[in-house]
Every structure is written in C-alpha cells, then in structure tokens.
Amino acid sequence: MDHRSLFRIGEALALELAKQGGRLILSARREDELKRVAALTKLPDLDIMLLPFDLKDTSKATALAANILNKFGRIDMLVNNGGMSQRSEMEKTTIDIDRELMEINYFWLVNLTKAVLPYMKRQKSGHVIVISSIAGKFGFIYAQDIRLLNMRFMVFSIRLDWKQKRRN
C-alpha cells in the first residue's frame, strides 16, 4: 500500500466521521491536501484542526498531543494510518531503507500512541486504531520488509488491548 492509498483511506474516514458529527484532527505532510480534505468535510473551524508533520520525525508527538488537548479538551481516537512502502526483494533492500521503513512504519505508531495514551487513561476512554497493509497478512515477493513491520503493528495493538483489559 503506498502513501496515496493511505491518504485516500484517511480522507474517506475523515469525511465519514465529519458526517457523524466528529471533531477532527487531520495530519499529513502536505498541508495543501489537508486543507482540501478539511474543506470537503464542511466542518466549522472550531471542529477541525490541521497538524501537518512528517512521520520521519515523531519527536514532536507529545507537543502535538498537547496542542490537540488545548483545542478540544480530549482525545477520543487516534487513527494510525500513515506509512511508507518499498518494492524490492528483501536481500536487495539496503539497511538504510530498512531503518527508514522502521522509523516511519513502526516508531511513528509507538511514539504517537504513547503521546495520546496518558490523556486517554485520564479520561478513562479512547481508541487507538491501526490501519495496515494487506502485506501484513499475506507475503508479497517485493514487500517482505513491510510484512514484518505490519506483524509488529498487530502485536503492538494486541499488547495495548491486553494491558488495558488487565487494569479494568
């Protein structure tokens, strides 16, 4: 799944949540695309926030979560929908590409989730949703690294769910 597919999934989800009266925070690298989707939602400025950022740098995750809390007072849902794919045989993929894939496809998930969890725990509610590629379930010859990363998504999500159930 490439970034265009992920963006279309995010756009469709934003439009559906807006129809249901949701208040939205839209994030992506391209601010022009965020503005386009925001206009399509027809939400008033009070109910939408644009937070452009690059998943290569999630060091700002805590500050972004605080900005969201300042505007909306709570965080009910985090949809992890970003990512990067590669198309090459595993043994021909350089370690630099593998590291970049890990930063974008794994550490962003962990960093953003850790940034919102304290707020969700305080409000005693919240959902973390992970959207991943079908490559996580079925192997494709030119996407083996993605399959490994997507399996980590599933383990991370299950672990979060188990920890929350254990506390309740």
N, C-alpha and C. Protein backbone atom coordinates (compact mmCIF):
# COMPACT_ATOMS: atom_id res chain seq x y z
N MET A 1 0.85 -1.17 0.00
CA MET A 1 0.00 0.00 0.00
C MET A 1 0.89 1.23 0.00
N ASP A 2 0.70 2.12 -0.92
CA ASP A 2 1.54 3.30 -0.95
C ASP A 2 0.86 4.46 -0.23
N HIS A 3 1.58 5.58 -0.12
CA HIS A 3 1.06 6.71 0.64
C HIS A 3 -0.22 7.27 0.03
N ARG A 4 -0.40 7.15 -1.28
CA ARG A 4 -1.63 7.66 -1.90
C ARG A 4 -2.84 6.84 -1.43
N SER A 5 -2.66 5.53 -1.33
CA SER A 5 -3.75 4.67 -0.85
C SER A 5 -4.09 5.01 0.59
N LEU A 6 -3.06 5.17 1.41
CA LEU A 6 -3.29 5.51 2.82
C LEU A 6 -4.01 6.85 2.94
N PHE A 7 -3.61 7.82 2.11
CA PHE A 7 -4.26 9.13 2.16
C PHE A 7 -5.73 9.01 1.78
N ARG A 8 -6.04 8.19 0.78
CA ARG A 8 -7.44 8.03 0.37
C ARG A 8 -8.26 7.37 1.48
N ILE A 9 -7.66 6.42 2.19
CA ILE A 9 -8.35 5.80 3.33
C ILE A 9 -8.60 6.85 4.40
N GLY A 10 -7.59 7.64 4.72
CA GLY A 10 -7.73 8.70 5.72
C GLY A 10 -8.77 9.73 5.31
N GLU A 11 -8.78 10.10 4.04
CA GLU A 11 -9.75 11.07 3.54
C GLU A 11 -11.18 10.52 3.68
N ALA A 12 -11.39 9.29 3.27
CA ALA A 12 -12.72 8.68 3.37
C ALA A 12 -13.17 8.59 4.83
N LEU A 13 -12.26 8.23 5.71
CA LEU A 13 -12.59 8.15 7.13
C LEU A 13 -12.92 9.53 7.69
N ALA A 14 -12.16 10.53 7.32
CA ALA A 14 -12.42 11.90 7.79
C ALA A 14 -13.81 12.37 7.33
N LEU A 15 -14.14 12.11 6.09
CA LEU A 15 -15.44 12.54 5.57
C LEU A 15 -16.58 11.82 6.30
N GLU A 16 -16.41 10.54 6.56
CA GLU A 16 -17.46 9.78 7.27
C GLU A 16 -17.60 10.25 8.72
N LEU A 17 -16.49 10.46 9.40
CA LEU A 17 -16.55 10.93 10.79
C LEU A 17 -17.15 12.33 10.86
N ALA A 18 -16.86 13.17 9.88
CA ALA A 18 -17.45 14.51 9.84
C ALA A 18 -18.96 14.42 9.67
N LYS A 19 -19.42 13.51 8.81
CA LYS A 19 -20.88 13.32 8.61
C LYS A 19 -21.56 12.92 9.91
N GLN A 20 -20.83 12.17 10.74
CA GLN A 20 -21.39 11.70 12.01
C GLN A 20 -21.20 12.70 13.14
N GLY A 21 -20.72 13.90 12.81
CA GLY A 21 -20.58 14.95 13.81
C GLY A 21 -19.28 14.93 14.59
N GLY A 22 -18.28 14.24 14.07
CA GLY A 22 -16.99 14.18 14.76
C GLY A 22 -16.22 15.48 14.66
N ARG A 23 -15.35 15.69 15.63
CA ARG A 23 -14.38 16.79 15.60
C ARG A 23 -13.07 16.15 15.19
N LEU A 24 -12.39 16.74 14.22
CA LEU A 24 -11.27 16.05 13.58
C LEU A 24 -9.95 16.80 13.68
N ILE A 25 -8.90 16.02 13.78
CA ILE A 25 -7.54 16.49 13.62
C ILE A 25 -6.99 15.76 12.41
N LEU A 26 -6.61 16.49 11.39
CA LEU A 26 -6.07 15.88 10.17
C LEU A 26 -4.57 16.12 10.13
N SER A 27 -3.82 15.06 9.88
CA SER A 27 -2.36 15.17 9.80
C SER A 27 -1.85 14.47 8.56
N ALA A 28 -0.88 15.10 7.93
CA ALA A 28 -0.17 14.55 6.78
C ALA A 28 0.99 15.50 6.50
N ARG A 29 1.85 15.12 5.59
CA ARG A 29 2.96 16.01 5.24
C ARG A 29 2.49 17.21 4.43
N ARG A 30 1.57 17.01 3.53
CA ARG A 30 1.18 18.06 2.57
C ARG A 30 0.01 18.88 3.11
N GLU A 31 0.32 20.09 3.51
CA GLU A 31 -0.70 20.97 4.06
C GLU A 31 -1.79 21.31 3.04
N ASP A 32 -1.43 21.39 1.76
CA ASP A 32 -2.43 21.69 0.74
C ASP A 32 -3.49 20.58 0.67
N GLU A 33 -3.07 19.33 0.83
CA GLU A 33 -4.02 18.22 0.83
C GLU A 33 -4.88 18.23 2.10
N LEU A 34 -4.28 18.59 3.23
CA LEU A 34 -5.06 18.69 4.46
C LEU A 34 -6.15 19.76 4.33
N LYS A 35 -5.80 20.88 3.74
CA LYS A 35 -6.79 21.96 3.53
C LYS A 35 -7.89 21.52 2.59
N ARG A 36 -7.52 20.76 1.56
CA ARG A 36 -8.52 20.27 0.61
C ARG A 36 -9.51 19.34 1.30
N VAL A 37 -9.01 18.40 2.10
CA VAL A 37 -9.88 17.46 2.80
C VAL A 37 -10.71 18.20 3.85
N ALA A 38 -10.10 19.14 4.55
CA ALA A 38 -10.84 19.92 5.56
C ALA A 38 -12.02 20.64 4.91
N ALA A 39 -11.82 21.21 3.74
CA ALA A 39 -12.91 21.89 3.03
C ALA A 39 -14.02 20.90 2.67
N LEU A 40 -13.64 19.69 2.27
CA LEU A 40 -14.64 18.68 1.91
C LEU A 40 -15.50 18.26 3.10
N THR A 41 -14.93 18.29 4.31
CA THR A 41 -15.69 17.88 5.49
C THR A 41 -16.80 18.85 5.83
N LYS A 42 -16.63 20.12 5.43
CA LYS A 42 -17.60 21.19 5.71
C LYS A 42 -17.76 21.45 7.21
N LEU A 43 -16.76 21.05 7.99
CA LEU A 43 -16.80 21.31 9.43
C LEU A 43 -16.39 22.75 9.71
N PRO A 44 -16.98 23.38 10.72
CA PRO A 44 -16.54 24.73 11.10
C PRO A 44 -15.14 24.66 11.71
N ASP A 45 -14.41 25.77 11.69
CA ASP A 45 -13.04 25.82 12.21
C ASP A 45 -12.95 25.33 13.65
N LEU A 46 -14.00 25.51 14.44
CA LEU A 46 -13.98 25.05 15.82
C LEU A 46 -13.91 23.54 15.94
N ASP A 47 -14.32 22.82 14.90
CA ASP A 47 -14.40 21.36 14.96
C ASP A 47 -13.33 20.63 14.14
N ILE A 48 -12.36 21.38 13.64
CA ILE A 48 -11.31 20.73 12.84
C ILE A 48 -9.96 21.41 13.11
N MET A 49 -8.93 20.60 13.08
CA MET A 49 -7.58 21.10 13.31
C MET A 49 -6.65 20.43 12.30
N LEU A 50 -5.77 21.20 11.69
CA LEU A 50 -4.80 20.66 10.75
C LEU A 50 -3.43 20.65 11.41
N LEU A 51 -2.81 19.48 11.44
CA LEU A 51 -1.48 19.34 12.03
C LEU A 51 -0.54 18.69 11.02
N PRO A 52 0.04 19.49 10.13
CA PRO A 52 0.97 18.90 9.18
C PRO A 52 2.27 18.48 9.87
N PHE A 53 2.70 17.26 9.61
CA PHE A 53 4.01 16.80 10.09
C PHE A 53 4.44 15.59 9.29
N ASP A 54 5.72 15.31 9.36
CA ASP A 54 6.32 14.21 8.62
C ASP A 54 6.57 13.06 9.57
N LEU A 55 6.16 11.86 9.20
CA LEU A 55 6.33 10.69 10.05
C LEU A 55 7.79 10.29 10.24
N LYS A 56 8.69 10.88 9.49
CA LYS A 56 10.11 10.62 9.71
C LYS A 56 10.57 11.24 11.03
N ASP A 57 9.82 12.24 11.52
CA ASP A 57 10.21 12.94 12.75
C ASP A 57 9.03 12.96 13.71
N THR A 58 8.94 11.94 14.54
CA THR A 58 7.85 11.88 15.51
C THR A 58 8.27 12.43 16.87
N SER A 59 9.41 13.11 16.93
CA SER A 59 9.87 13.66 18.20
C SER A 59 8.90 14.72 18.73
N LYS A 60 8.06 15.25 17.86
CA LYS A 60 7.11 16.29 18.27
C LYS A 60 5.76 15.71 18.70
N ALA A 61 5.66 14.40 18.81
CA ALA A 61 4.38 13.74 19.09
C ALA A 61 3.74 14.24 20.38
N THR A 62 4.52 14.39 21.44
CA THR A 62 3.97 14.84 22.72
C THR A 62 3.43 16.26 22.62
N ALA A 63 4.17 17.13 21.94
CA ALA A 63 3.71 18.51 21.76
C ALA A 63 2.45 18.57 20.90
N LEU A 64 2.38 17.73 19.87
CA LEU A 64 1.18 17.70 19.03
C LEU A 64 -0.03 17.25 19.84
N ALA A 65 0.15 16.22 20.67
CA ALA A 65 -0.96 15.75 21.51
C ALA A 65 -1.42 16.86 22.46
N ALA A 66 -0.48 17.61 23.02
CA ALA A 66 -0.83 18.72 23.92
C ALA A 66 -1.59 19.80 23.17
N ASN A 67 -1.20 20.10 21.92
CA ASN A 67 -1.93 21.09 21.10
C ASN A 67 -3.36 20.65 20.87
N ILE A 68 -3.54 19.36 20.60
CA ILE A 68 -4.89 18.82 20.38
C ILE A 68 -5.72 18.97 21.64
N LEU A 69 -5.14 18.63 22.76
CA LEU A 69 -5.85 18.74 24.04
C LEU A 69 -6.22 20.20 24.34
N ASN A 70 -5.32 21.12 24.03
CA ASN A 70 -5.61 22.54 24.24
C ASN A 70 -6.79 23.01 23.41
N LYS A 71 -6.92 22.50 22.20
CA LYS A 71 -8.04 22.93 21.35
C LYS A 71 -9.34 22.22 21.69
N PHE A 72 -9.29 20.90 21.88
CA PHE A 72 -10.52 20.12 22.02
C PHE A 72 -10.81 19.63 23.43
N GLY A 73 -9.82 19.64 24.32
CA GLY A 73 -10.06 19.23 25.69
C GLY A 73 -9.99 17.72 25.93
N ARG A 74 -9.95 16.95 24.86
CA ARG A 74 -9.86 15.50 25.00
C ARG A 74 -9.43 14.88 23.67
N ILE A 75 -8.98 13.64 23.75
CA ILE A 75 -8.60 12.88 22.56
C ILE A 75 -9.35 11.55 22.66
N ASP A 76 -10.30 11.35 21.78
CA ASP A 76 -11.12 10.13 21.81
C ASP A 76 -10.59 9.01 20.93
N MET A 77 -9.88 9.37 19.86
CA MET A 77 -9.46 8.35 18.92
C MET A 77 -8.17 8.78 18.22
N LEU A 78 -7.25 7.85 18.09
CA LEU A 78 -6.06 8.03 17.27
C LEU A 78 -6.13 6.99 16.17
N VAL A 79 -6.12 7.44 14.93
CA VAL A 79 -6.10 6.53 13.80
C VAL A 79 -4.70 6.58 13.19
N ASN A 80 -3.97 5.50 13.37
CA ASN A 80 -2.62 5.38 12.80
C ASN A 80 -2.76 4.86 11.38
N ASN A 81 -2.63 5.76 10.42
CA ASN A 81 -2.91 5.43 9.03
C ASN A 81 -1.76 5.79 8.09
N GLY A 82 -0.64 6.26 8.61
CA GLY A 82 0.45 6.66 7.73
C GLY A 82 1.40 5.52 7.48
N GLY A 83 2.24 5.68 6.49
CA GLY A 83 3.23 4.66 6.25
C GLY A 83 3.99 4.87 4.96
N MET A 84 4.93 3.97 4.75
CA MET A 84 5.77 4.01 3.56
C MET A 84 5.97 2.57 3.10
N SER A 85 5.99 2.37 1.82
CA SER A 85 6.24 1.02 1.31
C SER A 85 7.51 1.02 0.48
N GLN A 86 7.98 -0.16 0.21
CA GLN A 86 9.13 -0.32 -0.68
C GLN A 86 8.83 -1.49 -1.59
N ARG A 87 9.43 -1.50 -2.75
CA ARG A 87 9.21 -2.57 -3.70
C ARG A 87 10.57 -3.12 -4.14
N SER A 88 11.06 -4.07 -3.40
CA SER A 88 12.30 -4.74 -3.80
C SER A 88 12.40 -6.05 -3.02
N GLU A 89 13.23 -6.93 -3.50
CA GLU A 89 13.45 -8.17 -2.76
C GLU A 89 14.20 -7.84 -1.48
N MET A 90 13.89 -8.57 -0.42
CA MET A 90 14.45 -8.26 0.89
C MET A 90 15.97 -8.17 0.88
N GLU A 91 16.64 -9.11 0.24
CA GLU A 91 18.10 -9.11 0.26
C GLU A 91 18.70 -7.98 -0.56
N LYS A 92 17.89 -7.34 -1.41
CA LYS A 92 18.38 -6.22 -2.21
C LYS A 92 18.03 -4.87 -1.58
N THR A 93 17.29 -4.89 -0.49
CA THR A 93 16.92 -3.65 0.20
C THR A 93 18.05 -3.26 1.15
N THR A 94 18.54 -2.04 1.04
CA THR A 94 19.65 -1.61 1.89
C THR A 94 19.18 -1.44 3.33
N ILE A 95 20.12 -1.52 4.24
CA ILE A 95 19.80 -1.33 5.65
C ILE A 95 19.29 0.08 5.91
N ASP A 96 19.76 1.06 5.14
CA ASP A 96 19.26 2.43 5.30
C ASP A 96 17.76 2.51 4.99
N ILE A 97 17.33 1.81 3.96
CA ILE A 97 15.90 1.77 3.63
C ILE A 97 15.14 1.04 4.74
N ASP A 98 15.70 -0.06 5.24
CA ASP A 98 15.06 -0.78 6.35
C ASP A 98 14.89 0.13 7.57
N ARG A 99 15.90 0.92 7.88
CA ARG A 99 15.82 1.83 9.04
C ARG A 99 14.76 2.91 8.81
N GLU A 100 14.71 3.43 7.60
CA GLU A 100 13.70 4.44 7.28
C GLU A 100 12.29 3.83 7.38
N LEU A 101 12.14 2.61 6.88
CA LEU A 101 10.85 1.91 7.00
C LEU A 101 10.47 1.72 8.46
N MET A 102 11.44 1.36 9.30
CA MET A 102 11.15 1.17 10.73
C MET A 102 10.74 2.50 11.37
N GLU A 103 11.44 3.57 11.05
CA GLU A 103 11.11 4.88 11.63
C GLU A 103 9.70 5.30 11.26
N ILE A 104 9.37 5.18 9.99
CA ILE A 104 8.07 5.65 9.51
C ILE A 104 6.96 4.66 9.83
N ASN A 105 7.22 3.37 9.66
CA ASN A 105 6.16 2.37 9.77
C ASN A 105 6.03 1.73 11.15
N TYR A 106 6.96 1.99 12.05
CA TYR A 106 6.83 1.41 13.39
C TYR A 106 6.95 2.47 14.48
N PHE A 107 8.06 3.21 14.48
CA PHE A 107 8.26 4.14 15.59
C PHE A 107 7.25 5.28 15.63
N TRP A 108 6.72 5.69 14.46
CA TRP A 108 5.68 6.72 14.50
C TRP A 108 4.47 6.19 15.22
N LEU A 109 4.13 4.92 15.00
CA LEU A 109 2.99 4.30 15.67
C LEU A 109 3.21 4.30 17.18
N VAL A 110 4.38 3.87 17.60
CA VAL A 110 4.69 3.80 19.03
C VAL A 110 4.70 5.21 19.64
N ASN A 111 5.42 6.15 19.01
CA ASN A 111 5.53 7.50 19.57
C ASN A 111 4.20 8.22 19.66
N LEU A 112 3.40 8.16 18.61
CA LEU A 112 2.11 8.85 18.65
C LEU A 112 1.15 8.19 19.64
N THR A 113 1.19 6.87 19.70
CA THR A 113 0.32 6.17 20.65
C THR A 113 0.72 6.52 22.08
N LYS A 114 2.01 6.51 22.37
CA LYS A 114 2.47 6.88 23.71
C LYS A 114 2.12 8.32 24.06
N ALA A 115 2.08 9.18 23.05
CA ALA A 115 1.77 10.59 23.29
C ALA A 115 0.30 10.79 23.69
N VAL A 116 -0.61 9.98 23.15
CA VAL A 116 -2.04 10.18 23.46
C VAL A 116 -2.53 9.31 24.61
N LEU A 117 -1.84 8.22 24.91
CA LEU A 117 -2.32 7.30 25.95
C LEU A 117 -2.53 7.96 27.32
N PRO A 118 -1.63 8.82 27.79
CA PRO A 118 -1.87 9.44 29.10
C PRO A 118 -3.21 10.20 29.17
N TYR A 119 -3.56 10.88 28.08
CA TYR A 119 -4.82 11.61 28.05
C TYR A 119 -6.01 10.66 28.04
N MET A 120 -5.90 9.60 27.25
CA MET A 120 -6.99 8.62 27.18
C MET A 120 -7.17 7.92 28.53
N LYS A 121 -6.07 7.63 29.19
CA LYS A 121 -6.16 6.99 30.51
C LYS A 121 -6.82 7.92 31.52
N ARG A 122 -6.45 9.21 31.48
CA ARG A 122 -7.05 10.19 32.40
C ARG A 122 -8.55 10.33 32.18
N GLN A 123 -8.97 10.31 30.93
CA GLN A 123 -10.40 10.46 30.64
C GLN A 123 -11.13 9.12 30.69
N LYS A 124 -10.39 8.03 30.94
CA LYS A 124 -10.93 6.68 31.06
C LYS A 124 -11.67 6.21 29.81
N SER A 125 -11.22 6.69 28.66
CA SER A 125 -11.78 6.24 27.40
C SER A 125 -10.86 6.64 26.26
N GLY A 126 -11.01 5.96 25.16
CA GLY A 126 -10.23 6.29 23.98
C GLY A 126 -9.98 5.04 23.15
N HIS A 127 -9.72 5.25 21.89
CA HIS A 127 -9.47 4.15 20.96
C HIS A 127 -8.21 4.46 20.15
N VAL A 128 -7.38 3.44 19.98
CA VAL A 128 -6.22 3.54 19.10
C VAL A 128 -6.46 2.54 17.97
N ILE A 129 -6.51 3.06 16.76
CA ILE A 129 -6.80 2.24 15.59
C ILE A 129 -5.56 2.21 14.71
N VAL A 130 -5.21 1.03 14.24
CA VAL A 130 -4.06 0.86 13.37
C VAL A 130 -4.55 0.33 12.02
N ILE A 131 -4.28 1.06 10.98
CA ILE A 131 -4.61 0.62 9.63
C ILE A 131 -3.30 0.17 8.99
N SER A 132 -3.28 -1.08 8.55
CA SER A 132 -2.05 -1.58 7.94
C SER A 132 -2.36 -2.20 6.59
N SER A 133 -1.32 -2.54 5.90
CA SER A 133 -1.43 -3.10 4.57
C SER A 133 -1.80 -4.58 4.61
N ILE A 134 -2.41 -5.05 3.56
CA ILE A 134 -2.71 -6.47 3.43
C ILE A 134 -1.41 -7.29 3.40
N ALA A 135 -0.29 -6.63 3.10
CA ALA A 135 1.00 -7.32 3.10
C ALA A 135 1.35 -7.85 4.48
N GLY A 136 0.71 -7.33 5.53
CA GLY A 136 0.94 -7.84 6.87
C GLY A 136 0.35 -9.23 7.07
N LYS A 137 -0.62 -9.58 6.26
CA LYS A 137 -1.26 -10.89 6.37
C LYS A 137 -0.74 -11.87 5.32
N PHE A 138 -0.52 -11.37 4.13
CA PHE A 138 -0.05 -12.21 3.03
C PHE A 138 1.29 -11.68 2.54
N GLY A 139 2.23 -12.54 2.35
CA GLY A 139 3.54 -12.10 1.87
C GLY A 139 3.53 -11.81 0.38
N PHE A 140 4.23 -10.78 0.00
CA PHE A 140 4.42 -10.45 -1.40
C PHE A 140 5.92 -10.42 -1.66
N ILE A 141 6.34 -10.94 -2.78
CA ILE A 141 7.77 -11.11 -3.05
C ILE A 141 8.54 -9.80 -2.92
N TYR A 142 7.96 -8.68 -3.29
CA TYR A 142 8.69 -7.42 -3.25
C TYR A 142 8.31 -6.57 -2.04
N ALA A 143 7.71 -7.16 -1.03
CA ALA A 143 7.31 -6.38 0.14
C ALA A 143 7.49 -7.16 1.44
N GLN A 144 8.53 -7.95 1.54
CA GLN A 144 8.74 -8.76 2.75
C GLN A 144 9.00 -7.89 3.98
N ASP A 145 9.74 -6.79 3.82
CA ASP A 145 10.02 -5.93 4.97
C ASP A 145 8.72 -5.34 5.52
N ILE A 146 7.80 -4.99 4.65
CA ILE A 146 6.51 -4.44 5.07
C ILE A 146 5.73 -5.50 5.84
N ARG A 147 5.80 -6.74 5.41
CA ARG A 147 5.09 -7.80 6.12
C ARG A 147 5.59 -7.91 7.56
N LEU A 148 6.88 -7.87 7.75
CA LEU A 148 7.43 -7.94 9.11
C LEU A 148 6.95 -6.77 9.95
N LEU A 149 6.96 -5.58 9.37
CA LEU A 149 6.52 -4.40 10.12
C LEU A 149 5.04 -4.48 10.47
N ASN A 150 4.22 -4.92 9.54
CA ASN A 150 2.78 -4.99 9.80
C ASN A 150 2.47 -6.03 10.88
N MET A 151 3.26 -7.10 10.95
CA MET A 151 3.06 -8.07 12.03
C MET A 151 3.36 -7.40 13.37
N ARG A 152 4.34 -6.51 13.41
CA ARG A 152 4.63 -5.77 14.65
C ARG A 152 3.45 -4.88 15.04
N PHE A 153 2.78 -4.27 14.06
CA PHE A 153 1.59 -3.47 14.36
C PHE A 153 0.58 -4.30 15.11
N MET A 154 0.33 -5.50 14.61
CA MET A 154 -0.69 -6.36 15.23
C MET A 154 -0.29 -6.74 16.64
N VAL A 155 0.97 -7.08 16.87
CA VAL A 155 1.43 -7.44 18.21
C VAL A 155 1.33 -6.24 19.14
N PHE A 156 1.74 -5.07 18.68
CA PHE A 156 1.66 -3.85 19.49
C PHE A 156 0.22 -3.55 19.85
N SER A 157 -0.70 -3.67 18.91
CA SER A 157 -2.12 -3.39 19.17
C SER A 157 -2.71 -4.38 20.15
N ILE A 158 -2.38 -5.64 20.01
CA ILE A 158 -2.88 -6.66 20.93
C ILE A 158 -2.34 -6.40 22.33
N ARG A 159 -1.08 -6.03 22.44
CA ARG A 159 -0.46 -5.76 23.72
C ARG A 159 -1.15 -4.59 24.42
N LEU A 160 -1.46 -3.54 23.70
CA LEU A 160 -2.17 -2.40 24.28
C LEU A 160 -3.53 -2.82 24.81
N ASP A 161 -4.25 -3.60 24.02
CA ASP A 161 -5.57 -4.06 24.41
C ASP A 161 -5.49 -4.93 25.67
N TRP A 162 -4.53 -5.83 25.73
CA TRP A 162 -4.37 -6.71 26.87
C TRP A 162 -4.06 -5.91 28.11
N LYS A 163 -3.17 -4.93 28.00
CA LYS A 163 -2.80 -4.14 29.18
C LYS A 163 -4.00 -3.38 29.71
N GLN A 164 -4.82 -2.84 28.84
CA GLN A 164 -5.99 -2.09 29.29
C GLN A 164 -7.00 -3.02 29.97
N LYS A 165 -7.24 -4.20 29.41
CA LYS A 165 -8.18 -5.15 29.99
C LYS A 165 -7.71 -5.63 31.35
N ARG A 166 -6.40 -5.82 31.48
CA ARG A 166 -5.84 -6.29 32.73
C ARG A 166 -6.05 -5.26 33.84
N ARG A 167 -6.00 -3.98 33.51
CA ARG A 167 -6.19 -2.92 34.51
C ARG A 167 -7.65 -2.78 34.93
N ASN A 168 -8.58 -3.16 34.05
CA ASN A 168 -10.01 -2.95 34.34
C ASN A 168 -10.58 -4.02 35.22
